[in-house]
All heavy atoms as atom14 arrays in JSON, in Angstrom:
{
  "sequence": "KISYLTDGSSRTVKIDGITIQFRHASARIMQWAGKPSAPVFQALRWLG",
  "atom14_mask": [
    [1, 1, 1, 1, 1, 1, 1, 1, 1, 0, 0, 0, 0, 0],
    [1, 1, 1, 1, 1, 1, 1, 1, 0, 0, 0, 0, 0, 0],
    [1, 1, 1, 1, 1, 1, 0, 0, 0, 0, 0, 0, 0, 0],
    [1, 1, 1, 1, 1, 1, 1, 1, 1, 1, 1, 1, 0, 0],
    [1, 1, 1, 1, 1, 1, 1, 1, 0, 0, 0, 0, 0, 0],
    [1, 1, 1, 1, 1, 1, 1, 0, 0, 0, 0, 0, 0, 0],
    [1, 1, 1, 1, 1, 1, 1, 1, 0, 0, 0, 0, 0, 0],
    [1, 1, 1, 1, 0, 0, 0, 0, 0, 0, 0, 0, 0, 0],
    [1, 1, 1, 1, 1, 1, 0, 0, 0, 0, 0, 0, 0, 0],
    [1, 1, 1, 1, 1, 1, 0, 0, 0, 0, 0, 0, 0, 0],
    [1, 1, 1, 1, 1, 1, 1, 1, 1, 1, 1, 0, 0, 0],
    [1, 1, 1, 1, 1, 1, 1, 0, 0, 0, 0, 0, 0, 0],
    [1, 1, 1, 1, 1, 1, 1, 0, 0, 0, 0, 0, 0, 0],
    [1, 1, 1, 1, 1, 1, 1, 1, 1, 0, 0, 0, 0, 0],
    [1, 1, 1, 1, 1, 1, 1, 1, 0, 0, 0, 0, 0, 0],
    [1, 1, 1, 1, 1, 1, 1, 1, 0, 0, 0, 0, 0, 0],
    [1, 1, 1, 1, 0, 0, 0, 0, 0, 0, 0, 0, 0, 0],
    [1, 1, 1, 1, 1, 1, 1, 1, 0, 0, 0, 0, 0, 0],
    [1, 1, 1, 1, 1, 1, 1, 0, 0, 0, 0, 0, 0, 0],
    [1, 1, 1, 1, 1, 1, 1, 1, 0, 0, 0, 0, 0, 0],
    [1, 1, 1, 1, 1, 1, 1, 1, 1, 0, 0, 0, 0, 0],
    [1, 1, 1, 1, 1, 1, 1, 1, 1, 1, 1, 0, 0, 0],
    [1, 1, 1, 1, 1, 1, 1, 1, 1, 1, 1, 0, 0, 0],
    [1, 1, 1, 1, 1, 1, 1, 1, 1, 1, 0, 0, 0, 0],
    [1, 1, 1, 1, 1, 0, 0, 0, 0, 0, 0, 0, 0, 0],
    [1, 1, 1, 1, 1, 1, 0, 0, 0, 0, 0, 0, 0, 0],
    [1, 1, 1, 1, 1, 0, 0, 0, 0, 0, 0, 0, 0, 0],
    [1, 1, 1, 1, 1, 1, 1, 1, 1, 1, 1, 0, 0, 0],
    [1, 1, 1, 1, 1, 1, 1, 1, 0, 0, 0, 0, 0, 0],
    [1, 1, 1, 1, 1, 1, 1, 1, 0, 0, 0, 0, 0, 0],
    [1, 1, 1, 1, 1, 1, 1, 1, 1, 0, 0, 0, 0, 0],
    [1, 1, 1, 1, 1, 1, 1, 1, 1, 1, 1, 1, 1, 1],
    [1, 1, 1, 1, 1, 0, 0, 0, 0, 0, 0, 0, 0, 0],
    [1, 1, 1, 1, 0, 0, 0, 0, 0, 0, 0, 0, 0, 0],
    [1, 1, 1, 1, 1, 1, 1, 1, 1, 0, 0, 0, 0, 0],
    [1, 1, 1, 1, 1, 1, 1, 0, 0, 0, 0, 0, 0, 0],
    [1, 1, 1, 1, 1, 1, 0, 0, 0, 0, 0, 0, 0, 0],
    [1, 1, 1, 1, 1, 0, 0, 0, 0, 0, 0, 0, 0, 0],
    [1, 1, 1, 1, 1, 1, 1, 0, 0, 0, 0, 0, 0, 0],
    [1, 1, 1, 1, 1, 1, 1, 0, 0, 0, 0, 0, 0, 0],
    [1, 1, 1, 1, 1, 1, 1, 1, 1, 1, 1, 0, 0, 0],
    [1, 1, 1, 1, 1, 1, 1, 1, 1, 0, 0, 0, 0, 0],
    [1, 1, 1, 1, 1, 0, 0, 0, 0, 0, 0, 0, 0, 0],
    [1, 1, 1, 1, 1, 1, 1, 1, 0, 0, 0, 0, 0, 0],
    [1, 1, 1, 1, 1, 1, 1, 1, 1, 1, 1, 0, 0, 0],
    [1, 1, 1, 1, 1, 1, 1, 1, 1, 1, 1, 1, 1, 1],
    [1, 1, 1, 1, 1, 1, 1, 1, 0, 0, 0, 0, 0, 0],
    [1, 1, 1, 1, 0, 0, 0, 0, 0, 0, 0, 0, 0, 0]
  ],
  "atom14_positions": [
    [[8.82, -6.02, 6.79], [8.14, -6.71, 5.71], [7.92, -5.76, 4.54], [7.83, -4.55, 4.73], [6.79, -7.26, 6.17], [6.85, -8.31, 7.26], [5.45, -8.78, 7.63], [5.49, -9.85, 8.7], [4.11, -10.28, 9.09], [0.0, 0.0, 0.0], [0.0, 0.0, 0.0], [0.0, 0.0, 0.0], [0.0, 0.0, 0.0], [0.0, 0.0, 0.0]],
    [[7.84, -6.32, 3.35], [7.47, -5.53, 2.18], [5.95, -5.42, 2.19], [5.25, -6.43, 2.1], [7.97, -6.19, 0.88], [9.49, -6.32, 0.91], [7.53, -5.38, -0.32], [10.06, -7.04, -0.29], [0.0, 0.0, 0.0], [0.0, 0.0, 0.0], [0.0, 0.0, 0.0], [0.0, 0.0, 0.0], [0.0, 0.0, 0.0], [0.0, 0.0, 0.0]],
    [[5.45, -4.22, 2.35], [4.01, -4.05, 2.53], [3.46, -2.98, 1.59], [4.07, -1.91, 1.43], [3.72, -3.66, 3.99], [2.34, -3.52, 4.22], [0.0, 0.0, 0.0], [0.0, 0.0, 0.0], [0.0, 0.0, 0.0], [0.0, 0.0, 0.0], [0.0, 0.0, 0.0], [0.0, 0.0, 0.0], [0.0, 0.0, 0.0], [0.0, 0.0, 0.0]],
    [[2.32, -3.29, 0.99], [1.65, -2.37, 0.08], [0.18, -2.24, 0.46], [-0.42, -3.19, 0.97], [1.74, -2.88, -1.37], [3.08, -2.7, -2.02], [4.13, -3.56, -1.74], [3.31, -1.66, -2.91], [5.37, -3.4, -2.33], [4.55, -1.49, -3.51], [5.58, -2.36, -3.21], [6.8, -2.2, -3.8], [0.0, 0.0, 0.0], [0.0, 0.0, 0.0]],
    [[-0.38, -1.07, 0.19], [-1.82, -0.88, 0.27], [-2.41, -1.18, -1.11], [-1.75, -0.99, -2.13], [-2.16, 0.54, 0.67], [-1.62, 1.04, 2.02], [-2.15, 2.44, 2.31], [-1.97, 0.08, 3.14], [0.0, 0.0, 0.0], [0.0, 0.0, 0.0], [0.0, 0.0, 0.0], [0.0, 0.0, 0.0], [0.0, 0.0, 0.0], [0.0, 0.0, 0.0]],
    [[-3.64, -1.63, -1.15], [-4.27, -1.96, -2.42], [-5.78, -1.75, -2.35], [-6.35, -1.75, -1.25], [-3.99, -3.44, -2.79], [-4.63, -3.75, -4.02], [-4.51, -4.39, -1.71], [0.0, 0.0, 0.0], [0.0, 0.0, 0.0], [0.0, 0.0, 0.0], [0.0, 0.0, 0.0], [0.0, 0.0, 0.0], [0.0, 0.0, 0.0], [0.0, 0.0, 0.0]],
    [[-6.38, -1.55, -3.52], [-7.84, -1.51, -3.57], [-8.4, -2.91, -3.81], [-9.6, -3.11, -3.91], [-8.35, -0.54, -4.64], [-7.78, -0.82, -6.02], [-7.0, -1.78, -6.17], [-8.12, -0.07, -6.95], [0.0, 0.0, 0.0], [0.0, 0.0, 0.0], [0.0, 0.0, 0.0], [0.0, 0.0, 0.0], [0.0, 0.0, 0.0], [0.0, 0.0, 0.0]],
    [[-7.5, -3.9, -3.91], [-7.91, -5.29, -4.0], [-8.03, -5.91, -2.62], [-8.07, -5.2, -1.61], [0.0, 0.0, 0.0], [0.0, 0.0, 0.0], [0.0, 0.0, 0.0], [0.0, 0.0, 0.0], [0.0, 0.0, 0.0], [0.0, 0.0, 0.0], [0.0, 0.0, 0.0], [0.0, 0.0, 0.0], [0.0, 0.0, 0.0], [0.0, 0.0, 0.0]],
    [[-8.05, -7.21, -2.56], [-8.22, -7.9, -1.28], [-6.91, -7.97, -0.52], [-5.82, -7.94, -1.1], [-8.76, -9.31, -1.52], [-7.86, -10.05, -2.33], [0.0, 0.0, 0.0], [0.0, 0.0, 0.0], [0.0, 0.0, 0.0], [0.0, 0.0, 0.0], [0.0, 0.0, 0.0], [0.0, 0.0, 0.0], [0.0, 0.0, 0.0], [0.0, 0.0, 0.0]],
    [[-7.02, -8.05, 0.8], [-5.84, -8.25, 1.64], [-5.32, -9.68, 1.43], [-6.1, -10.63, 1.41], [-6.18, -8.05, 3.12], [-6.58, -6.72, 3.37], [0.0, 0.0, 0.0], [0.0, 0.0, 0.0], [0.0, 0.0, 0.0], [0.0, 0.0, 0.0], [0.0, 0.0, 0.0], [0.0, 0.0, 0.0], [0.0, 0.0, 0.0], [0.0, 0.0, 0.0]],
    [[-4.02, -9.82, 1.27], [-3.45, -11.15, 1.04], [-1.94, -11.08, 1.18], [-1.36, -9.99, 1.27], [-3.8, -11.66, -0.36], [-3.36, -10.73, -1.47], [-3.69, -11.28, -2.85], [-3.53, -10.25, -3.87], [-3.19, -10.51, -5.13], [-2.98, -11.76, -5.51], [-3.08, -9.54, -6.01], [0.0, 0.0, 0.0], [0.0, 0.0, 0.0], [0.0, 0.0, 0.0]],
    [[-1.34, -12.24, 1.19], [0.12, -12.35, 1.23], [0.58, -13.12, 0.01], [0.01, -14.16, -0.33], [0.58, -13.08, 2.51], [0.18, -12.32, 3.66], [2.08, -13.23, 2.54], [0.0, 0.0, 0.0], [0.0, 0.0, 0.0], [0.0, 0.0, 0.0], [0.0, 0.0, 0.0], [0.0, 0.0, 0.0], [0.0, 0.0, 0.0], [0.0, 0.0, 0.0]],
    [[1.6, -12.59, -0.66], [2.14, -13.23, -1.87], [3.6, -13.56, -1.63], [4.36, -12.72, -1.14], [2.0, -12.28, -3.09], [2.63, -12.91, -4.32], [0.54, -11.95, -3.35], [0.0, 0.0, 0.0], [0.0, 0.0, 0.0], [0.0, 0.0, 0.0], [0.0, 0.0, 0.0], [0.0, 0.0, 0.0], [0.0, 0.0, 0.0], [0.0, 0.0, 0.0]],
    [[3.99, -14.78, -1.96], [5.39, -15.18, -1.82], [6.05, -15.18, -3.19], [5.57, -15.83, -4.12], [5.49, -16.57, -1.17], [5.09, -16.57, 0.3], [5.42, -17.89, 0.95], [5.07, -17.87, 2.44], [5.89, -16.9, 3.18], [0.0, 0.0, 0.0], [0.0, 0.0, 0.0], [0.0, 0.0, 0.0], [0.0, 0.0, 0.0], [0.0, 0.0, 0.0]],
    [[7.14, -14.44, -3.29], [7.87, -14.31, -4.55], [9.32, -14.67, -4.32], [10.05, -13.95, -3.63], [7.78, -12.87, -5.1], [6.34, -12.46, -5.34], [8.61, -12.74, -6.38], [5.64, -13.23, -6.43], [0.0, 0.0, 0.0], [0.0, 0.0, 0.0], [0.0, 0.0, 0.0], [0.0, 0.0, 0.0], [0.0, 0.0, 0.0], [0.0, 0.0, 0.0]],
    [[9.75, -15.8, -4.85], [11.15, -16.22, -4.76], [11.67, -16.15, -3.33], [12.77, -15.65, -3.06], [12.0, -15.35, -5.69], [13.38, -15.97, -5.97], [13.48, -17.21, -5.93], [14.33, -15.21, -6.21], [0.0, 0.0, 0.0], [0.0, 0.0, 0.0], [0.0, 0.0, 0.0], [0.0, 0.0, 0.0], [0.0, 0.0, 0.0], [0.0, 0.0, 0.0]],
    [[10.86, -16.62, -2.38], [11.26, -16.62, -0.98], [10.99, -15.32, -0.24], [11.24, -15.23, 0.97], [0.0, 0.0, 0.0], [0.0, 0.0, 0.0], [0.0, 0.0, 0.0], [0.0, 0.0, 0.0], [0.0, 0.0, 0.0], [0.0, 0.0, 0.0], [0.0, 0.0, 0.0], [0.0, 0.0, 0.0], [0.0, 0.0, 0.0], [0.0, 0.0, 0.0]],
    [[10.49, -14.31, -0.94], [10.19, -13.01, -0.33], [8.68, -12.91, -0.11], [7.89, -13.25, -0.99], [10.66, -11.86, -1.24], [12.17, -11.95, -1.46], [10.28, -10.5, -0.65], [12.69, -11.0, -2.52], [0.0, 0.0, 0.0], [0.0, 0.0, 0.0], [0.0, 0.0, 0.0], [0.0, 0.0, 0.0], [0.0, 0.0, 0.0], [0.0, 0.0, 0.0]],
    [[8.28, -12.45, 1.06], [6.86, -12.3, 1.37], [6.44, -10.85, 1.18], [7.05, -9.93, 1.74], [6.57, -12.72, 2.82], [6.9, -14.1, 2.98], [5.1, -12.53, 3.16], [0.0, 0.0, 0.0], [0.0, 0.0, 0.0], [0.0, 0.0, 0.0], [0.0, 0.0, 0.0], [0.0, 0.0, 0.0], [0.0, 0.0, 0.0], [0.0, 0.0, 0.0]],
    [[5.43, -10.64, 0.36], [4.87, -9.3, 0.13], [3.46, -9.29, 0.69], [2.63, -10.13, 0.36], [4.83, -8.96, -1.37], [6.21, -9.12, -1.99], [4.32, -7.53, -1.58], [6.23, -8.92, -3.49], [0.0, 0.0, 0.0], [0.0, 0.0, 0.0], [0.0, 0.0, 0.0], [0.0, 0.0, 0.0], [0.0, 0.0, 0.0], [0.0, 0.0, 0.0]],
    [[3.2, -8.33, 1.56], [1.88, -8.22, 2.19], [1.07, -7.11, 1.52], [1.56, -6.0, 1.35], [2.05, -7.92, 3.67], [0.75, -7.9, 4.47], [0.99, -7.62, 5.94], [1.75, -6.71, 6.29], [0.36, -8.4, 6.8], [0.0, 0.0, 0.0], [0.0, 0.0, 0.0], [0.0, 0.0, 0.0], [0.0, 0.0, 0.0], [0.0, 0.0, 0.0]],
    [[-0.15, -7.43, 1.14], [-1.08, -6.45, 0.59], [-2.21, -6.24, 1.59], [-2.83, -7.2, 2.05], [-1.64, -6.92, -0.75], [-0.64, -6.98, -1.86], [0.05, -8.16, -2.14], [-0.36, -5.86, -2.63], [0.99, -8.21, -3.14], [0.58, -5.92, -3.64], [1.25, -7.09, -3.9], [0.0, 0.0, 0.0], [0.0, 0.0, 0.0], [0.0, 0.0, 0.0]],
    [[-2.47, -4.98, 1.92], [-3.55, -4.66, 2.85], [-4.58, -3.79, 2.14], [-4.23, -2.76, 1.54], [-3.01, -3.93, 4.09], [-2.12, -4.79, 4.97], [-1.68, -4.06, 6.23], [-0.79, -2.94, 5.95], [-1.09, -1.67, 6.14], [-2.28, -1.33, 6.59], [-0.21, -0.73, 5.86], [0.0, 0.0, 0.0], [0.0, 0.0, 0.0], [0.0, 0.0, 0.0]],
    [[-5.83, -4.2, 2.21], [-6.89, -3.43, 1.56], [-7.02, -2.07, 2.23], [-7.02, -1.95, 3.45], [-8.22, -4.17, 1.64], [-9.35, -3.41, 1.02], [-9.55, -3.35, -0.34], [-10.33, -2.65, 1.59], [-10.61, -2.59, -0.59], [-11.1, -2.16, 0.55], [0.0, 0.0, 0.0], [0.0, 0.0, 0.0], [0.0, 0.0, 0.0], [0.0, 0.0, 0.0]],
    [[-7.13, -1.03, 1.41], [-7.3, 0.34, 1.91], [-8.55, 0.95, 1.31], [-9.03, 0.53, 0.26], [-6.07, 1.19, 1.57], [0.0, 0.0, 0.0], [0.0, 0.0, 0.0], [0.0, 0.0, 0.0], [0.0, 0.0, 0.0], [0.0, 0.0, 0.0], [0.0, 0.0, 0.0], [0.0, 0.0, 0.0], [0.0, 0.0, 0.0], [0.0, 0.0, 0.0]],
    [[-9.07, 1.95, 1.97], [-10.31, 2.59, 1.54], [-10.12, 3.34, 0.23], [-8.99, 3.69, -0.15], [-10.79, 3.57, 2.61], [-9.9, 4.67, 2.71], [0.0, 0.0, 0.0], [0.0, 0.0, 0.0], [0.0, 0.0, 0.0], [0.0, 0.0, 0.0], [0.0, 0.0, 0.0], [0.0, 0.0, 0.0], [0.0, 0.0, 0.0], [0.0, 0.0, 0.0]],
    [[-11.23, 3.61, -0.43], [-11.18, 4.37, -1.69], [-10.61, 5.76, -1.46], [-9.93, 6.31, -2.33], [-12.58, 4.47, -2.28], [0.0, 0.0, 0.0], [0.0, 0.0, 0.0], [0.0, 0.0, 0.0], [0.0, 0.0, 0.0], [0.0, 0.0, 0.0], [0.0, 0.0, 0.0], [0.0, 0.0, 0.0], [0.0, 0.0, 0.0], [0.0, 0.0, 0.0]],
    [[-10.85, 6.33, -0.3], [-10.33, 7.67, 0.01], [-8.81, 7.69, -0.01], [-8.2, 8.66, -0.48], [-10.84, 8.1, 1.4], [-10.35, 9.48, 1.84], [-10.91, 9.85, 3.2], [-10.48, 8.9, 4.22], [-9.3, 8.96, 4.85], [-8.43, 9.91, 4.54], [-9.0, 8.08, 5.77], [0.0, 0.0, 0.0], [0.0, 0.0, 0.0], [0.0, 0.0, 0.0]],
    [[-8.2, 6.64, 0.49], [-6.74, 6.55, 0.48], [-6.23, 6.14, -0.89], [-5.27, 6.72, -1.41], [-6.26, 5.56, 1.56], [-6.55, 6.12, 2.95], [-4.77, 5.27, 1.4], [-6.23, 5.16, 4.08], [0.0, 0.0, 0.0], [0.0, 0.0, 0.0], [0.0, 0.0, 0.0], [0.0, 0.0, 0.0], [0.0, 0.0, 0.0], [0.0, 0.0, 0.0]],
    [[-6.88, 5.17, -1.53], [-6.38, 4.65, -2.79], [-6.58, 5.61, -3.96], [-6.02, 5.39, -5.03], [-7.05, 3.31, -3.1], [-6.6, 2.17, -2.19], [-4.8, 1.98, -2.07], [-4.38, 1.66, -3.77], [0.0, 0.0, 0.0], [0.0, 0.0, 0.0], [0.0, 0.0, 0.0], [0.0, 0.0, 0.0], [0.0, 0.0, 0.0], [0.0, 0.0, 0.0]],
    [[-7.33, 6.68, -3.75], [-7.45, 7.67, -4.82], [-6.1, 8.34, -5.11], [-5.91, 8.97, -6.14], [-8.49, 8.73, -4.47], [-8.09, 9.64, -3.32], [-9.23, 10.58, -2.93], [-10.13, 10.81, -3.71], [-9.17, 11.11, -1.73], [0.0, 0.0, 0.0], [0.0, 0.0, 0.0], [0.0, 0.0, 0.0], [0.0, 0.0, 0.0], [0.0, 0.0, 0.0]],
    [[-5.14, 8.18, -4.2], [-3.79, 8.72, -4.41], [-2.93, 7.82, -5.29], [-1.88, 8.25, -5.76], [-3.1, 8.93, -3.06], [-3.65, 10.09, -2.28], [-4.73, 10.08, -1.46], [-3.15, 11.42, -2.28], [-4.94, 11.34, -0.95], [-3.98, 12.18, -1.42], [-2.08, 12.06, -2.91], [-3.79, 13.53, -1.18], [-1.87, 13.41, -2.67], [-2.71, 14.13, -1.83]],
    [[-3.35, 6.6, -5.48], [-2.53, 5.66, -6.26], [-2.24, 6.22, -7.64], [-3.14, 6.68, -8.35], [-3.25, 4.31, -6.37], [0.0, 0.0, 0.0], [0.0, 0.0, 0.0], [0.0, 0.0, 0.0], [0.0, 0.0, 0.0], [0.0, 0.0, 0.0], [0.0, 0.0, 0.0], [0.0, 0.0, 0.0], [0.0, 0.0, 0.0], [0.0, 0.0, 0.0]],
    [[-0.97, 6.18, -8.02], [-0.57, 6.68, -9.34], [-0.25, 8.16, -9.37], [0.31, 8.65, -10.36], [0.0, 0.0, 0.0], [0.0, 0.0, 0.0], [0.0, 0.0, 0.0], [0.0, 0.0, 0.0], [0.0, 0.0, 0.0], [0.0, 0.0, 0.0], [0.0, 0.0, 0.0], [0.0, 0.0, 0.0], [0.0, 0.0, 0.0], [0.0, 0.0, 0.0]],
    [[-0.59, 8.89, -8.33], [-0.28, 10.32, -8.3], [1.2, 10.52, -7.93], [1.74, 9.78, -7.1], [-1.15, 11.05, -7.27], [-2.62, 11.2, -7.66], [-3.38, 11.94, -6.56], [-4.77, 12.37, -6.97], [-5.57, 11.35, -7.66], [0.0, 0.0, 0.0], [0.0, 0.0, 0.0], [0.0, 0.0, 0.0], [0.0, 0.0, 0.0], [0.0, 0.0, 0.0]],
    [[1.88, 11.5, -8.54], [3.3, 11.74, -8.21], [3.54, 11.99, -6.73], [4.59, 11.65, -6.19], [3.64, 12.98, -9.05], [2.66, 12.96, -10.18], [1.4, 12.4, -9.61], [0.0, 0.0, 0.0], [0.0, 0.0, 0.0], [0.0, 0.0, 0.0], [0.0, 0.0, 0.0], [0.0, 0.0, 0.0], [0.0, 0.0, 0.0], [0.0, 0.0, 0.0]],
    [[2.55, 12.58, -6.06], [2.73, 12.93, -4.65], [2.27, 11.84, -3.69], [2.28, 12.04, -2.47], [1.99, 14.23, -4.33], [0.6, 14.11, -4.61], [0.0, 0.0, 0.0], [0.0, 0.0, 0.0], [0.0, 0.0, 0.0], [0.0, 0.0, 0.0], [0.0, 0.0, 0.0], [0.0, 0.0, 0.0], [0.0, 0.0, 0.0], [0.0, 0.0, 0.0]],
    [[1.87, 10.69, -4.21], [1.37, 9.61, -3.35], [2.35, 9.23, -2.24], [1.94, 9.06, -1.08], [0.99, 8.39, -4.19], [0.0, 0.0, 0.0], [0.0, 0.0, 0.0], [0.0, 0.0, 0.0], [0.0, 0.0, 0.0], [0.0, 0.0, 0.0], [0.0, 0.0, 0.0], [0.0, 0.0, 0.0], [0.0, 0.0, 0.0], [0.0, 0.0, 0.0]],
    [[3.66, 9.09, -2.53], [4.57, 8.74, -1.44], [4.61, 9.79, -0.32], [4.76, 9.43, 0.85], [5.94, 8.64, -2.14], [5.61, 8.34, -3.57], [4.35, 9.1, -3.83], [0.0, 0.0, 0.0], [0.0, 0.0, 0.0], [0.0, 0.0, 0.0], [0.0, 0.0, 0.0], [0.0, 0.0, 0.0], [0.0, 0.0, 0.0], [0.0, 0.0, 0.0]],
    [[4.46, 11.06, -0.68], [4.46, 12.11, 0.33], [3.22, 11.99, 1.21], [3.29, 12.09, 2.44], [4.52, 13.51, -0.33], [4.63, 14.59, 0.75], [5.68, 13.59, -1.3], [0.0, 0.0, 0.0], [0.0, 0.0, 0.0], [0.0, 0.0, 0.0], [0.0, 0.0, 0.0], [0.0, 0.0, 0.0], [0.0, 0.0, 0.0], [0.0, 0.0, 0.0]],
    [[2.08, 11.78, 0.57], [0.84, 11.58, 1.31], [0.97, 10.42, 2.28], [0.61, 10.52, 3.46], [-0.3, 11.32, 0.32], [-1.56, 10.77, 0.94], [-2.36, 11.57, 1.74], [-1.92, 9.44, 0.74], [-3.52, 11.06, 2.32], [-3.07, 8.93, 1.31], [-3.87, 9.74, 2.12], [0.0, 0.0, 0.0], [0.0, 0.0, 0.0], [0.0, 0.0, 0.0]],
    [[1.52, 9.3, 1.8], [1.68, 8.12, 2.63], [2.64, 8.39, 3.79], [2.4, 7.96, 4.93], [2.2, 6.96, 1.8], [1.15, 6.27, 0.96], [0.18, 5.5, 1.85], [-0.74, 6.08, 2.42], [0.39, 4.22, 1.98], [0.0, 0.0, 0.0], [0.0, 0.0, 0.0], [0.0, 0.0, 0.0], [0.0, 0.0, 0.0], [0.0, 0.0, 0.0]],
    [[3.74, 9.07, 3.5], [4.72, 9.37, 4.54], [4.14, 10.28, 5.62], [4.36, 10.07, 6.82], [5.96, 10.01, 3.92], [0.0, 0.0, 0.0], [0.0, 0.0, 0.0], [0.0, 0.0, 0.0], [0.0, 0.0, 0.0], [0.0, 0.0, 0.0], [0.0, 0.0, 0.0], [0.0, 0.0, 0.0], [0.0, 0.0, 0.0], [0.0, 0.0, 0.0]],
    [[3.39, 11.29, 5.2], [2.76, 12.19, 6.17], [1.76, 11.45, 7.05], [1.7, 11.68, 8.27], [2.08, 13.36, 5.45], [2.99, 14.35, 4.72], [2.16, 15.41, 4.0], [3.95, 15.03, 5.71], [0.0, 0.0, 0.0], [0.0, 0.0, 0.0], [0.0, 0.0, 0.0], [0.0, 0.0, 0.0], [0.0, 0.0, 0.0], [0.0, 0.0, 0.0]],
    [[0.98, 10.58, 6.46], [0.02, 9.78, 7.23], [0.75, 8.93, 8.26], [0.31, 8.8, 9.41], [-0.79, 8.86, 6.32], [-1.86, 9.55, 5.5], [-2.68, 8.53, 4.71], [-3.43, 7.64, 5.57], [-3.24, 6.32, 5.63], [-2.32, 5.73, 4.88], [-3.97, 5.58, 6.43], [0.0, 0.0, 0.0], [0.0, 0.0, 0.0], [0.0, 0.0, 0.0]],
    [[1.86, 8.32, 7.85], [2.61, 7.46, 8.76], [3.25, 8.27, 9.89], [3.23, 7.85, 11.05], [3.69, 6.7, 7.98], [4.54, 5.83, 8.85], [4.21, 4.6, 9.35], [5.86, 6.11, 9.32], [5.24, 4.1, 10.12], [6.26, 5.01, 10.11], [6.74, 7.18, 9.15], [7.51, 4.95, 10.73], [7.98, 7.14, 9.77], [8.35, 6.03, 10.55]],
    [[3.8, 9.44, 9.56], [4.44, 10.28, 10.57], [3.42, 10.81, 11.58], [3.7, 10.87, 12.78], [5.16, 11.45, 9.89], [6.44, 11.11, 9.13], [6.84, 12.26, 8.22], [7.57, 10.77, 10.11], [0.0, 0.0, 0.0], [0.0, 0.0, 0.0], [0.0, 0.0, 0.0], [0.0, 0.0, 0.0], [0.0, 0.0, 0.0], [0.0, 0.0, 0.0]],
    [[2.25, 11.2, 11.08], [1.23, 11.76, 11.96], [1.41, 13.26, 12.16], [2.44, 13.85, 11.79], [0.0, 0.0, 0.0], [0.0, 0.0, 0.0], [0.0, 0.0, 0.0], [0.0, 0.0, 0.0], [0.0, 0.0, 0.0], [0.0, 0.0, 0.0], [0.0, 0.0, 0.0], [0.0, 0.0, 0.0], [0.0, 0.0, 0.0], [0.0, 0.0, 0.0]]
  ]
}
């Protein structure tokens, strides 16, 4: 699934037959939003 973290509410959005899932994340995690290194932070968290 196409999945994003957000500081907004958790919800599912359908776009032209595609489902995008938004999951609410804490302020501690979302403080990375917009930072160049955000994808690295996210990848490291996922890898463990």
